[in-house]
């Protein structure tokens, strides 16, 4: 069957983890270019991953900002509190 809408794929989790690491280290989110360079994939592929994470409720984006990614929740850290 099809994955539940809220489940996160390993690639999406890897992307989310990298965004969290980046924010933790620098205090602001990475750009699409920085993420595509980090993973060695196209901007379109990173956009797709981020859009999936937004749709699933893990990330939010602020309009018209280069560093617009905001982590809303992370399954790894959400599990620690339970």
Protein backbone atom coordinates (compact mmCIF):
# COMPACT_ATOMS: atom_id res chain seq x y z
CA UNK A 1 0.00 0.00 0.00
CA UNK A 2 0.84 3.64 -0.15
CA UNK A 3 2.78 5.32 2.66
CA UNK A 4 0.80 7.32 5.14
CA UNK A 5 0.83 11.03 4.32
CA UNK A 6 2.65 11.92 7.55
CA UNK A 7 5.42 9.32 7.23
CA UNK A 8 8.83 10.56 6.21
CA UNK A 9 11.11 8.79 3.73
CA UNK A 10 14.79 8.17 4.53
CA UNK A 11 15.84 10.85 2.00
CA UNK A 12 13.40 13.35 3.49
CA UNK A 13 14.69 12.53 7.00
CA UNK A 14 18.27 13.02 5.78
CA UNK A 15 17.30 16.41 4.35
CA UNK A 16 15.49 17.40 7.54
CA UNK A 17 18.48 16.30 9.65
CA UNK A 18 20.84 18.40 7.53
CA UNK A 19 18.59 21.46 7.86
CA UNK A 20 18.48 20.96 11.64
CA UNK A 21 22.29 20.57 11.83
CA UNK A 22 22.80 23.69 9.73
CA UNK A 23 20.40 25.80 11.84
CA UNK A 24 22.01 24.49 15.03
CA UNK A 25 25.51 25.36 13.80
CA UNK A 26 24.82 28.71 12.15
CA UNK A 27 21.61 30.01 13.69
CA UNK A 28 19.79 30.37 10.36
CA UNK A 29 18.53 27.94 7.71
CA UNK A 30 20.42 26.90 4.57
CA UNK A 31 19.51 28.09 1.09
CA UNK A 32 18.32 25.75 -1.65
CA UNK A 33 21.74 26.14 -3.31
CA UNK A 34 23.58 25.18 -0.12
CA UNK A 35 21.40 22.08 0.27
CA UNK A 36 21.76 21.04 -3.37
CA UNK A 37 25.56 21.45 -3.09
CA UNK A 38 25.64 19.44 0.17
CA UNK A 39 23.70 16.51 -1.33
CA UNK A 40 25.15 16.80 -4.83
CA UNK A 41 21.70 16.97 -6.43
CA UNK A 42 19.81 19.52 -8.50
CA UNK A 43 17.94 22.52 -7.11
CA UNK A 44 14.73 20.94 -8.45
CA UNK A 45 15.35 17.76 -6.42
CA UNK A 46 15.92 19.75 -3.22
CA UNK A 47 12.81 21.85 -3.93
CA UNK A 48 10.85 18.61 -4.30
CA UNK A 49 12.14 17.22 -0.99
CA UNK A 50 11.41 20.48 0.83
CA UNK A 51 7.94 20.74 -0.70
CA UNK A 52 7.18 17.19 0.46
CA UNK A 53 8.38 18.05 3.98
CA UNK A 54 6.24 21.22 3.97
CA UNK A 55 3.21 19.23 2.79
CA UNK A 56 3.75 16.63 5.52
CA UNK A 57 4.03 19.32 8.19
CA UNK A 58 7.74 19.03 9.05
CA UNK A 59 8.82 22.34 7.52
CA UNK A 60 7.32 25.75 6.79
CA UNK A 61 8.49 28.38 4.33
CA UNK A 62 8.34 32.14 4.55
CA UNK A 63 7.53 33.88 1.29
CA UNK A 64 10.11 35.92 -0.58
CA UNK A 65 13.08 35.04 1.62
CA UNK A 66 16.24 33.21 0.54
CA UNK A 67 16.59 31.50 3.92
CA UNK A 68 12.92 30.78 4.38
CA UNK A 69 12.94 27.23 5.76
CA UNK A 70 11.62 26.77 9.30
CA UNK A 71 11.65 23.35 11.01
CA UNK A 72 8.25 22.75 12.58
CA UNK A 73 8.87 19.24 13.86
CA UNK A 74 11.36 16.42 13.52
CA UNK A 75 10.40 12.76 14.10
CA UNK A 76 13.79 12.08 15.68
CA UNK A 77 13.48 14.80 18.33
CA UNK A 78 9.72 14.32 18.73
CA UNK A 79 10.31 10.72 19.84
CA UNK A 80 12.74 11.73 22.61
CA UNK A 81 10.05 13.56 24.55
CA UNK A 82 7.73 10.52 24.69
